[in-house]
mmCIF file of all heavy atoms, coordinates in Angstrom:
data_MODEL
# 
_entry.id   MODEL 
# 
loop_
_atom_site.group_PDB 
_atom_site.id 
_atom_site.type_symbol 
_atom_site.label_atom_id 
_atom_site.label_alt_id 
_atom_site.label_comp_id 
_atom_site.label_asym_id 
_atom_site.label_entity_id 
_atom_site.label_seq_id 
_atom_site.pdbx_PDB_ins_code 
_atom_site.Cartn_x 
_atom_site.Cartn_y 
_atom_site.Cartn_z 
_atom_site.occupancy 
_atom_site.B_iso_or_equiv 
_atom_site.pdbx_formal_charge 
_atom_site.auth_seq_id 
_atom_site.auth_comp_id 
_atom_site.auth_asym_id 
_atom_site.auth_atom_id 
_atom_site.pdbx_PDB_model_num 
ATOM 1   N N   . VAL A 1 1  ? 0.848  -1.200 0.000   1.00 0.00 ? 1  VAL A N   1 
ATOM 2   C CA  . VAL A 1 1  ? 0.000  0.000  0.000   1.00 0.00 ? 1  VAL A CA  1 
ATOM 3   C C   . VAL A 1 1  ? 0.879  1.245  0.000   1.00 0.00 ? 1  VAL A C   1 
ATOM 4   O O   . VAL A 1 1  ? 0.621  2.207  -0.739  1.00 0.00 ? 1  VAL A O   1 
ATOM 5   C CB  . VAL A 1 1  ? -0.959 -0.020 1.211   1.00 0.00 ? 1  VAL A CB  1 
ATOM 6   C CG1 . VAL A 1 1  ? -1.668 1.307  1.380   1.00 0.00 ? 1  VAL A CG1 1 
ATOM 7   C CG2 . VAL A 1 1  ? -1.957 -1.151 1.069   1.00 0.00 ? 1  VAL A CG2 1 
ATOM 8   N N   . LEU A 1 2  ? 1.932  1.232  0.799   1.00 0.00 ? 2  LEU A N   1 
ATOM 9   C CA  . LEU A 1 2  ? 2.863  2.367  0.806   1.00 0.00 ? 2  LEU A CA  1 
ATOM 10  C C   . LEU A 1 2  ? 3.563  2.514  -0.544  1.00 0.00 ? 2  LEU A C   1 
ATOM 11  O O   . LEU A 1 2  ? 3.806  3.640  -1.009  1.00 0.00 ? 2  LEU A O   1 
ATOM 12  C CB  . LEU A 1 2  ? 3.894  2.209  1.918   1.00 0.00 ? 2  LEU A CB  1 
ATOM 13  C CG  . LEU A 1 2  ? 3.359  2.344  3.338   1.00 0.00 ? 2  LEU A CG  1 
ATOM 14  C CD1 . LEU A 1 2  ? 4.442  2.012  4.344   1.00 0.00 ? 2  LEU A CD1 1 
ATOM 15  C CD2 . LEU A 1 2  ? 2.810  3.733  3.572   1.00 0.00 ? 2  LEU A CD2 1 
ATOM 16  N N   . MET A 1 3  ? 3.896  1.398  -1.172  1.00 0.00 ? 3  MET A N   1 
ATOM 17  C CA  . MET A 1 3  ? 4.555  1.462  -2.469  1.00 0.00 ? 3  MET A CA  1 
ATOM 18  C C   . MET A 1 3  ? 3.614  2.042  -3.527  1.00 0.00 ? 3  MET A C   1 
ATOM 19  O O   . MET A 1 3  ? 4.024  2.854  -4.361  1.00 0.00 ? 3  MET A O   1 
ATOM 20  C CB  . MET A 1 3  ? 5.031  0.079  -2.897  1.00 0.00 ? 3  MET A CB  1 
ATOM 21  C CG  . MET A 1 3  ? 5.836  0.111  -4.176  1.00 0.00 ? 3  MET A CG  1 
ATOM 22  S SD  . MET A 1 3  ? 6.266  -1.514 -4.772  1.00 0.00 ? 3  MET A SD  1 
ATOM 23  C CE  . MET A 1 3  ? 4.678  -2.106 -5.251  1.00 0.00 ? 3  MET A CE  1 
ATOM 24  N N   . ILE A 1 4  ? 2.346  1.651  -3.501  1.00 0.00 ? 4  ILE A N   1 
ATOM 25  C CA  . ILE A 1 4  ? 1.381  2.206  -4.447  1.00 0.00 ? 4  ILE A CA  1 
ATOM 26  C C   . ILE A 1 4  ? 1.225  3.704  -4.222  1.00 0.00 ? 4  ILE A C   1 
ATOM 27  O O   . ILE A 1 4  ? 1.137  4.483  -5.177  1.00 0.00 ? 4  ILE A O   1 
ATOM 28  C CB  . ILE A 1 4  ? 0.032  1.469  -4.321  1.00 0.00 ? 4  ILE A CB  1 
ATOM 29  C CG1 . ILE A 1 4  ? 0.173  0.022  -4.769  1.00 0.00 ? 4  ILE A CG1 1 
ATOM 30  C CG2 . ILE A 1 4  ? -1.066 2.169  -5.112  1.00 0.00 ? 4  ILE A CG2 1 
ATOM 31  C CD1 . ILE A 1 4  ? 0.574  -0.150 -6.215  1.00 0.00 ? 4  ILE A CD1 1 
ATOM 32  N N   . TRP A 1 5  ? 1.195  4.123  -2.969  1.00 0.00 ? 5  TRP A N   1 
ATOM 33  C CA  . TRP A 1 5  ? 1.135  5.560  -2.675  1.00 0.00 ? 5  TRP A CA  1 
ATOM 34  C C   . TRP A 1 5  ? 2.360  6.274  -3.243  1.00 0.00 ? 5  TRP A C   1 
ATOM 35  O O   . TRP A 1 5  ? 2.248  7.332  -3.856  1.00 0.00 ? 5  TRP A O   1 
ATOM 36  C CB  . TRP A 1 5  ? 1.039  5.782  -1.164  1.00 0.00 ? 5  TRP A CB  1 
ATOM 37  C CG  . TRP A 1 5  ? 1.215  7.209  -0.778  1.00 0.00 ? 5  TRP A CG  1 
ATOM 38  C CD1 . TRP A 1 5  ? 0.270  8.185  -0.791  1.00 0.00 ? 5  TRP A CD1 1 
ATOM 39  C CD2 . TRP A 1 5  ? 2.431  7.825  -0.355  1.00 0.00 ? 5  TRP A CD2 1 
ATOM 40  N NE1 . TRP A 1 5  ? 0.823  9.368  -0.395  1.00 0.00 ? 5  TRP A NE1 1 
ATOM 41  C CE2 . TRP A 1 5  ? 2.160  9.176  -0.122  1.00 0.00 ? 5  TRP A CE2 1 
ATOM 42  C CE3 . TRP A 1 5  ? 3.733  7.361  -0.146  1.00 0.00 ? 5  TRP A CE3 1 
ATOM 43  C CZ2 . TRP A 1 5  ? 3.122  10.068 0.298   1.00 0.00 ? 5  TRP A CZ2 1 
ATOM 44  C CZ3 . TRP A 1 5  ? 4.688  8.250  0.275   1.00 0.00 ? 5  TRP A CZ3 1 
ATOM 45  C CH2 . TRP A 1 5  ? 4.390  9.583  0.493   1.00 0.00 ? 5  TRP A CH2 1 
ATOM 46  N N   . PHE A 1 6  ? 3.537  5.680  -3.041  1.00 0.00 ? 6  PHE A N   1 
ATOM 47  C CA  . PHE A 1 6  ? 4.766  6.276  -3.551  1.00 0.00 ? 6  PHE A CA  1 
ATOM 48  C C   . PHE A 1 6  ? 4.728  6.390  -5.073  1.00 0.00 ? 6  PHE A C   1 
ATOM 49  O O   . PHE A 1 6  ? 5.066  7.431  -5.645  1.00 0.00 ? 6  PHE A O   1 
ATOM 50  C CB  . PHE A 1 6  ? 5.970  5.432  -3.106  1.00 0.00 ? 6  PHE A CB  1 
ATOM 51  C CG  . PHE A 1 6  ? 7.264  5.824  -3.744  1.00 0.00 ? 6  PHE A CG  1 
ATOM 52  C CD1 . PHE A 1 6  ? 7.906  6.983  -3.366  1.00 0.00 ? 6  PHE A CD1 1 
ATOM 53  C CD2 . PHE A 1 6  ? 7.844  5.035  -4.715  1.00 0.00 ? 6  PHE A CD2 1 
ATOM 54  C CE1 . PHE A 1 6  ? 9.107  7.355  -3.944  1.00 0.00 ? 6  PHE A CE1 1 
ATOM 55  C CE2 . PHE A 1 6  ? 9.040  5.387  -5.302  1.00 0.00 ? 6  PHE A CE2 1 
ATOM 56  C CZ  . PHE A 1 6  ? 9.674  6.555  -4.914  1.00 0.00 ? 6  PHE A CZ  1 
ATOM 57  N N   . LEU A 1 7  ? 4.312  5.313  -5.740  1.00 0.00 ? 7  LEU A N   1 
ATOM 58  C CA  . LEU A 1 7  ? 4.260  5.348  -7.209  1.00 0.00 ? 7  LEU A CA  1 
ATOM 59  C C   . LEU A 1 7  ? 3.200  6.314  -7.712  1.00 0.00 ? 7  LEU A C   1 
ATOM 60  O O   . LEU A 1 7  ? 3.410  7.014  -8.705  1.00 0.00 ? 7  LEU A O   1 
ATOM 61  C CB  . LEU A 1 7  ? 3.996  3.945  -7.755  1.00 0.00 ? 7  LEU A CB  1 
ATOM 62  C CG  . LEU A 1 7  ? 5.111  2.924  -7.567  1.00 0.00 ? 7  LEU A CG  1 
ATOM 63  C CD1 . LEU A 1 7  ? 4.651  1.565  -8.032  1.00 0.00 ? 7  LEU A CD1 1 
ATOM 64  C CD2 . LEU A 1 7  ? 6.358  3.352  -8.300  1.00 0.00 ? 7  LEU A CD2 1 
ATOM 65  N N   . ALA A 1 8  ? 2.072  6.376  -7.034  1.00 0.00 ? 8  ALA A N   1 
ATOM 66  C CA  . ALA A 1 8  ? 0.979  7.219  -7.514  1.00 0.00 ? 8  ALA A CA  1 
ATOM 67  C C   . ALA A 1 8  ? 1.243  8.696  -7.271  1.00 0.00 ? 8  ALA A C   1 
ATOM 68  O O   . ALA A 1 8  ? 1.014  9.522  -8.157  1.00 0.00 ? 8  ALA A O   1 
ATOM 69  C CB  . ALA A 1 8  ? -0.331 6.803  -6.839  1.00 0.00 ? 8  ALA A CB  1 
ATOM 70  N N   . TYR A 1 9  ? 1.709  9.043  -6.090  1.00 0.00 ? 9  TYR A N   1 
ATOM 71  C CA  . TYR A 1 9  ? 1.821  10.456 -5.755  1.00 0.00 ? 9  TYR A CA  1 
ATOM 72  C C   . TYR A 1 9  ? 3.231  11.013 -5.884  1.00 0.00 ? 9  TYR A C   1 
ATOM 73  O O   . TYR A 1 9  ? 3.419  12.088 -6.432  1.00 0.00 ? 9  TYR A O   1 
ATOM 74  C CB  . TYR A 1 9  ? 1.273  10.703 -4.344  1.00 0.00 ? 9  TYR A CB  1 
ATOM 75  C CG  . TYR A 1 9  ? -0.212 10.459 -4.297  1.00 0.00 ? 9  TYR A CG  1 
ATOM 76  C CD1 . TYR A 1 9  ? -0.720 9.316  -3.715  1.00 0.00 ? 9  TYR A CD1 1 
ATOM 77  C CD2 . TYR A 1 9  ? -1.086 11.349 -4.874  1.00 0.00 ? 9  TYR A CD2 1 
ATOM 78  C CE1 . TYR A 1 9  ? -2.086 9.072  -3.692  1.00 0.00 ? 9  TYR A CE1 1 
ATOM 79  C CE2 . TYR A 1 9  ? -2.451 11.122 -4.862  1.00 0.00 ? 9  TYR A CE2 1 
ATOM 80  C CZ  . TYR A 1 9  ? -2.940 9.985  -4.269  1.00 0.00 ? 9  TYR A CZ  1 
ATOM 81  O OH  . TYR A 1 9  ? -4.284 9.753  -4.263  1.00 0.00 ? 9  TYR A OH  1 
ATOM 82  N N   . LYS A 1 10 ? 4.219  10.322 -5.381  1.00 0.00 ? 10 LYS A N   1 
ATOM 83  C CA  . LYS A 1 10 ? 5.586  10.839 -5.456  1.00 0.00 ? 10 LYS A CA  1 
ATOM 84  C C   . LYS A 1 10 ? 6.172  10.700 -6.868  1.00 0.00 ? 10 LYS A C   1 
ATOM 85  O O   . LYS A 1 10 ? 6.888  11.568 -7.327  1.00 0.00 ? 10 LYS A O   1 
ATOM 86  C CB  . LYS A 1 10 ? 6.489  10.129 -4.443  1.00 0.00 ? 10 LYS A CB  1 
ATOM 87  C CG  . LYS A 1 10 ? 6.107  10.406 -3.021  1.00 0.00 ? 10 LYS A CG  1 
ATOM 88  C CD  . LYS A 1 10 ? 6.242  11.884 -2.721  1.00 0.00 ? 10 LYS A CD  1 
ATOM 89  C CE  . LYS A 1 10 ? 5.859  12.160 -1.289  1.00 0.00 ? 10 LYS A CE  1 
ATOM 90  N NZ  . LYS A 1 10 ? 5.852  13.585 -1.000  1.00 0.00 ? 10 LYS A NZ  1 
ATOM 91  N N   . MET A 1 11 ? 5.877  9.574  -7.523  1.00 0.00 ? 11 MET A N   1 
ATOM 92  C CA  . MET A 1 11 ? 6.368  9.390  -8.896  1.00 0.00 ? 11 MET A CA  1 
ATOM 93  C C   . MET A 1 11 ? 5.384  9.966  -9.924  1.00 0.00 ? 11 MET A C   1 
ATOM 94  O O   . MET A 1 11 ? 5.637  9.916  -11.110 1.00 0.00 ? 11 MET A O   1 
ATOM 95  C CB  . MET A 1 11 ? 6.603  7.898  -9.181  1.00 0.00 ? 11 MET A CB  1 
ATOM 96  C CG  . MET A 1 11 ? 7.737  7.298  -8.392  1.00 0.00 ? 11 MET A CG  1 
ATOM 97  S SD  . MET A 1 11 ? 9.317  8.062  -8.738  1.00 0.00 ? 11 MET A SD  1 
ATOM 98  C CE  . MET A 1 11 ? 9.546  7.645  -10.438 1.00 0.00 ? 11 MET A CE  1 
ATOM 99  N N   . GLU A 1 12 ? 4.243  10.445 -9.458  1.00 0.00 ? 12 GLU A N   1 
ATOM 100 C CA  . GLU A 1 12 ? 3.219  11.093 -10.282 1.00 0.00 ? 12 GLU A CA  1 
ATOM 101 C C   . GLU A 1 12 ? 2.687  10.182 -11.395 1.00 0.00 ? 12 GLU A C   1 
ATOM 102 O O   . GLU A 1 12 ? 2.418  10.628 -12.505 1.00 0.00 ? 12 GLU A O   1 
ATOM 103 C CB  . GLU A 1 12 ? 3.738  12.411 -10.857 1.00 0.00 ? 12 GLU A CB  1 
ATOM 104 C CG  . GLU A 1 12 ? 4.072  13.433 -9.799  1.00 0.00 ? 12 GLU A CG  1 
ATOM 105 C CD  . GLU A 1 12 ? 4.602  14.725 -10.378 1.00 0.00 ? 12 GLU A CD  1 
ATOM 106 O OE1 . GLU A 1 12 ? 4.764  14.825 -11.604 1.00 0.00 ? 12 GLU A OE1 1 
ATOM 107 O OE2 . GLU A 1 12 ? 4.866  15.633 -9.580  1.00 0.00 ? 12 GLU A OE2 1 
ATOM 108 N N   . LEU A 1 13 ? 2.517  8.900  -11.077 1.00 0.00 ? 13 LEU A N   1 
ATOM 109 C CA  . LEU A 1 13 ? 1.959  7.979  -12.057 1.00 0.00 ? 13 LEU A CA  1 
ATOM 110 C C   . LEU A 1 13 ? 0.437  8.039  -12.097 1.00 0.00 ? 13 LEU A C   1 
ATOM 111 O O   . LEU A 1 13 ? -0.176 7.440  -12.968 1.00 0.00 ? 13 LEU A O   1 
ATOM 112 C CB  . LEU A 1 13 ? 2.424  6.556  -11.770 1.00 0.00 ? 13 LEU A CB  1 
ATOM 113 C CG  . LEU A 1 13 ? 3.914  6.300  -11.987 1.00 0.00 ? 13 LEU A CG  1 
ATOM 114 C CD1 . LEU A 1 13 ? 4.263  4.875  -11.623 1.00 0.00 ? 13 LEU A CD1 1 
ATOM 115 C CD2 . LEU A 1 13 ? 4.311  6.592  -13.410 1.00 0.00 ? 13 LEU A CD2 1 
ATOM 116 N N   . SER A 1 14 ? -0.164 8.751  -11.159 1.00 0.00 ? 14 SER A N   1 
ATOM 117 C CA  . SER A 1 14 ? -1.621 8.871  -11.145 1.00 0.00 ? 14 SER A CA  1 
ATOM 118 C C   . SER A 1 14 ? -2.100 10.211 -11.677 1.00 0.00 ? 14 SER A C   1 
ATOM 119 O O   . SER A 1 14 ? -3.281 10.495 -11.645 1.00 0.00 ? 14 SER A O   1 
ATOM 120 C CB  . SER A 1 14 ? -2.146 8.691  -9.718  1.00 0.00 ? 14 SER A CB  1 
ATOM 121 O OG  . SER A 1 14 ? -1.708 9.767  -8.907  1.00 0.00 ? 14 SER A OG  1 
ATOM 122 N N   . THR A 1 15 ? -1.181 11.037 -12.157 1.00 0.00 ? 15 THR A N   1 
ATOM 123 C CA  . THR A 1 15 ? -1.567 12.356 -12.649 1.00 0.00 ? 15 THR A CA  1 
ATOM 124 C C   . THR A 1 15 ? -1.586 12.374 -14.169 1.00 0.00 ? 15 THR A C   1 
ATOM 125 O O   . THR A 1 15 ? -0.884 11.588 -14.822 1.00 0.00 ? 15 THR A O   1 
ATOM 126 C CB  . THR A 1 15 ? -0.596 13.438 -12.146 1.00 0.00 ? 15 THR A CB  1 
ATOM 127 O OG1 . THR A 1 15 ? 0.723  13.107 -12.584 1.00 0.00 ? 15 THR A OG1 1 
ATOM 128 C CG2 . THR A 1 15 ? -0.616 13.526 -10.632 1.00 0.00 ? 15 THR A CG2 1 
ATOM 129 N N   . ALA A 1 16 ? -2.362 13.270 -14.710 1.00 0.00 ? 16 ALA A N   1 
ATOM 130 C CA  . ALA A 1 16 ? -2.407 13.430 -16.165 1.00 0.00 ? 16 ALA A CA  1 
ATOM 131 C C   . ALA A 1 16 ? -1.095 14.047 -16.647 1.00 0.00 ? 16 ALA A C   1 
ATOM 132 O O   . ALA A 1 16 ? -0.443 14.793 -15.911 1.00 0.00 ? 16 ALA A O   1 
ATOM 133 C CB  . ALA A 1 16 ? -3.577 14.329 -16.549 1.00 0.00 ? 16 ALA A CB  1 
ATOM 134 N N   . PRO A 1 17 ? -0.689 13.748 -17.872 1.00 0.00 ? 17 PRO A N   1 
ATOM 135 C CA  . PRO A 1 17 ? 0.554  14.342 -18.375 1.00 0.00 ? 17 PRO A CA  1 
ATOM 136 C C   . PRO A 1 17 ? 0.425  15.858 -18.474 1.00 0.00 ? 17 PRO A C   1 
ATOM 137 O O   . PRO A 1 17 ? -0.648 16.392 -18.751 1.00 0.00 ? 17 PRO A O   1 
ATOM 138 C CB  . PRO A 1 17 ? 0.741  13.704 -19.751 1.00 0.00 ? 17 PRO A CB  1 
ATOM 139 C CG  . PRO A 1 17 ? -0.551 13.083 -20.100 1.00 0.00 ? 17 PRO A CG  1 
ATOM 140 C CD  . PRO A 1 17 ? -1.297 12.848 -18.841 1.00 0.00 ? 17 PRO A CD  1 
ATOM 141 N N   . SER A 1 18 ? 1.543  16.537 -18.240 1.00 0.00 ? 18 SER A N   1 
ATOM 142 C CA  . SER A 1 18 ? 1.522  18.002 -18.268 1.00 0.00 ? 18 SER A CA  1 
ATOM 143 C C   . SER A 1 18 ? 1.495  18.548 -19.691 1.00 0.00 ? 18 SER A C   1 
ATOM 144 O O   . SER A 1 18 ? 1.087  19.673 -19.912 1.00 0.00 ? 18 SER A O   1 
ATOM 145 C CB  . SER A 1 18 ? 2.738  18.560 -17.529 1.00 0.00 ? 18 SER A CB  1 
ATOM 146 O OG  . SER A 1 18 ? 3.921  18.069 -18.128 1.00 0.00 ? 18 SER A OG  1 
ATOM 147 N N   . ARG A 1 19 ? 1.918  17.755 -20.653 1.00 0.00 ? 19 ARG A N   1 
ATOM 148 C CA  . ARG A 1 19 ? 1.889  18.229 -22.044 1.00 0.00 ? 19 ARG A CA  1 
ATOM 149 C C   . ARG A 1 19 ? 0.754  17.542 -22.796 1.00 0.00 ? 19 ARG A C   1 
ATOM 150 O O   . ARG A 1 19 ? 0.230  16.513 -22.368 1.00 0.00 ? 19 ARG A O   1 
ATOM 151 C CB  . ARG A 1 19 ? 3.223  17.968 -22.735 1.00 0.00 ? 19 ARG A CB  1 
ATOM 152 C CG  . ARG A 1 19 ? 3.622  16.536 -22.778 1.00 0.00 ? 19 ARG A CG  1 
ATOM 153 C CD  . ARG A 1 19 ? 5.042  16.392 -23.326 1.00 0.00 ? 19 ARG A CD  1 
ATOM 154 N NE  . ARG A 1 19 ? 5.470  15.030 -23.156 1.00 0.00 ? 19 ARG A NE  1 
ATOM 155 C CZ  . ARG A 1 19 ? 5.566  14.165 -24.141 1.00 0.00 ? 19 ARG A CZ  1 
ATOM 156 N NH1 . ARG A 1 19 ? 5.286  14.517 -25.369 1.00 0.00 ? 19 ARG A NH1 1 
ATOM 157 N NH2 . ARG A 1 19 ? 5.954  12.942 -23.920 1.00 0.00 ? 19 ARG A NH2 1 
ATOM 158 N N   . THR A 1 20 ? 0.373  18.096 -23.902 1.00 0.00 ? 20 THR A N   1 
ATOM 159 C CA  . THR A 1 20 ? -0.716 17.563 -24.698 1.00 0.00 ? 20 THR A CA  1 
ATOM 160 C C   . THR A 1 20 ? -0.261 16.328 -25.468 1.00 0.00 ? 20 THR A C   1 
ATOM 161 O O   . THR A 1 20 ? 0.814  16.313 -26.058 1.00 0.00 ? 20 THR A O   1 
ATOM 162 C CB  . THR A 1 20 ? -1.205 18.626 -25.697 1.00 0.00 ? 20 THR A CB  1 
ATOM 163 O OG1 . THR A 1 20 ? -1.532 19.807 -24.963 1.00 0.00 ? 20 THR A OG1 1 
ATOM 164 C CG2 . THR A 1 20 ? -2.407 18.154 -26.462 1.00 0.00 ? 20 THR A CG2 1 
ATOM 165 N N   . VAL A 1 21 ? -1.096 15.310 -25.447 1.00 0.00 ? 21 VAL A N   1 
ATOM 166 C CA  . VAL A 1 21 ? -0.809 14.092 -26.190 1.00 0.00 ? 21 VAL A CA  1 
ATOM 167 C C   . VAL A 1 21 ? -1.425 14.241 -27.577 1.00 0.00 ? 21 VAL A C   1 
ATOM 168 O O   . VAL A 1 21 ? -2.611 14.512 -27.719 1.00 0.00 ? 21 VAL A O   1 
ATOM 169 C CB  . VAL A 1 21 ? -1.395 12.858 -25.475 1.00 0.00 ? 21 VAL A CB  1 
ATOM 170 C CG1 . VAL A 1 21 ? -1.149 11.600 -26.279 1.00 0.00 ? 21 VAL A CG1 1 
ATOM 171 C CG2 . VAL A 1 21 ? -0.812 12.740 -24.087 1.00 0.00 ? 21 VAL A CG2 1 
ATOM 172 N N   . GLU A 1 22 ? -0.591 14.089 -28.598 1.00 0.00 ? 22 GLU A N   1 
ATOM 173 C CA  . GLU A 1 22 ? -1.067 14.263 -29.975 1.00 0.00 ? 22 GLU A CA  1 
ATOM 174 C C   . GLU A 1 22 ? -1.369 12.898 -30.583 1.00 0.00 ? 22 GLU A C   1 
ATOM 175 O O   . GLU A 1 22 ? -0.591 11.963 -30.459 1.00 0.00 ? 22 GLU A O   1 
ATOM 176 C CB  . GLU A 1 22 ? 0.003  14.964 -30.808 1.00 0.00 ? 22 GLU A CB  1 
ATOM 177 C CG  . GLU A 1 22 ? 0.331  16.356 -30.322 1.00 0.00 ? 22 GLU A CG  1 
ATOM 178 C CD  . GLU A 1 22 ? 1.453  16.998 -31.125 1.00 0.00 ? 22 GLU A CD  1 
ATOM 179 O OE1 . GLU A 1 22 ? 1.746  16.501 -32.230 1.00 0.00 ? 22 GLU A OE1 1 
ATOM 180 O OE2 . GLU A 1 22 ? 2.030  17.960 -30.634 1.00 0.00 ? 22 GLU A OE2 1 
ATOM 181 N N   . PHE A 1 23 ? -2.502 12.830 -31.245 1.00 0.00 ? 23 PHE A N   1 
ATOM 182 C CA  . PHE A 1 23 ? -2.889 11.606 -31.933 1.00 0.00 ? 23 PHE A CA  1 
ATOM 183 C C   . PHE A 1 23 ? -2.720 11.826 -33.426 1.00 0.00 ? 23 PHE A C   1 
ATOM 184 O O   . PHE A 1 23 ? -3.121 12.856 -33.961 1.00 0.00 ? 23 PHE A O   1 
ATOM 185 C CB  . PHE A 1 23 ? -4.350 11.255 -31.625 1.00 0.00 ? 23 PHE A CB  1 
ATOM 186 C CG  . PHE A 1 23 ? -4.563 10.949 -30.178 1.00 0.00 ? 23 PHE A CG  1 
ATOM 187 C CD1 . PHE A 1 23 ? -5.069 11.906 -29.326 1.00 0.00 ? 23 PHE A CD1 1 
ATOM 188 C CD2 . PHE A 1 23 ? -4.246 9.709  -29.671 1.00 0.00 ? 23 PHE A CD2 1 
ATOM 189 C CE1 . PHE A 1 23 ? -5.264 11.632 -27.988 1.00 0.00 ? 23 PHE A CE1 1 
ATOM 190 C CE2 . PHE A 1 23 ? -4.428 9.421  -28.343 1.00 0.00 ? 23 PHE A CE2 1 
ATOM 191 C CZ  . PHE A 1 23 ? -4.942 10.387 -27.494 1.00 0.00 ? 23 PHE A CZ  1 
ATOM 192 N N   . HIS A 1 24 ? -2.123 10.873 -34.096 1.00 0.00 ? 24 HIS A N   1 
ATOM 193 C CA  . HIS A 1 24 ? -1.911 10.963 -35.534 1.00 0.00 ? 24 HIS A CA  1 
ATOM 194 C C   . HIS A 1 24 ? -2.863 10.011 -36.244 1.00 0.00 ? 24 HIS A C   1 
ATOM 195 O O   . HIS A 1 24 ? -2.980 8.846  -35.874 1.00 0.00 ? 24 HIS A O   1 
ATOM 196 C CB  . HIS A 1 24 ? -0.466 10.607 -35.898 1.00 0.00 ? 24 HIS A CB  1 
ATOM 197 C CG  . HIS A 1 24 ? 0.526  11.537 -35.267 1.00 0.00 ? 24 HIS A CG  1 
ATOM 198 N ND1 . HIS A 1 24 ? 0.717  12.816 -35.697 1.00 0.00 ? 24 HIS A ND1 1 
ATOM 199 C CD2 . HIS A 1 24 ? 1.367  11.365 -34.219 1.00 0.00 ? 24 HIS A CD2 1 
ATOM 200 C CE1 . HIS A 1 24 ? 1.640  13.398 -34.959 1.00 0.00 ? 24 HIS A CE1 1 
ATOM 201 N NE2 . HIS A 1 24 ? 2.053  12.535 -34.044 1.00 0.00 ? 24 HIS A NE2 1 
# 
C-alpha cells in the first residue's frame, strides 16, 4: 500500500501528463 502511494503520488503515475498528447 505504501509502495502504491509512492508510485501514484511521489512518482506522479496517477496524474495526467503536463503536455498535450497528440494523436496521428
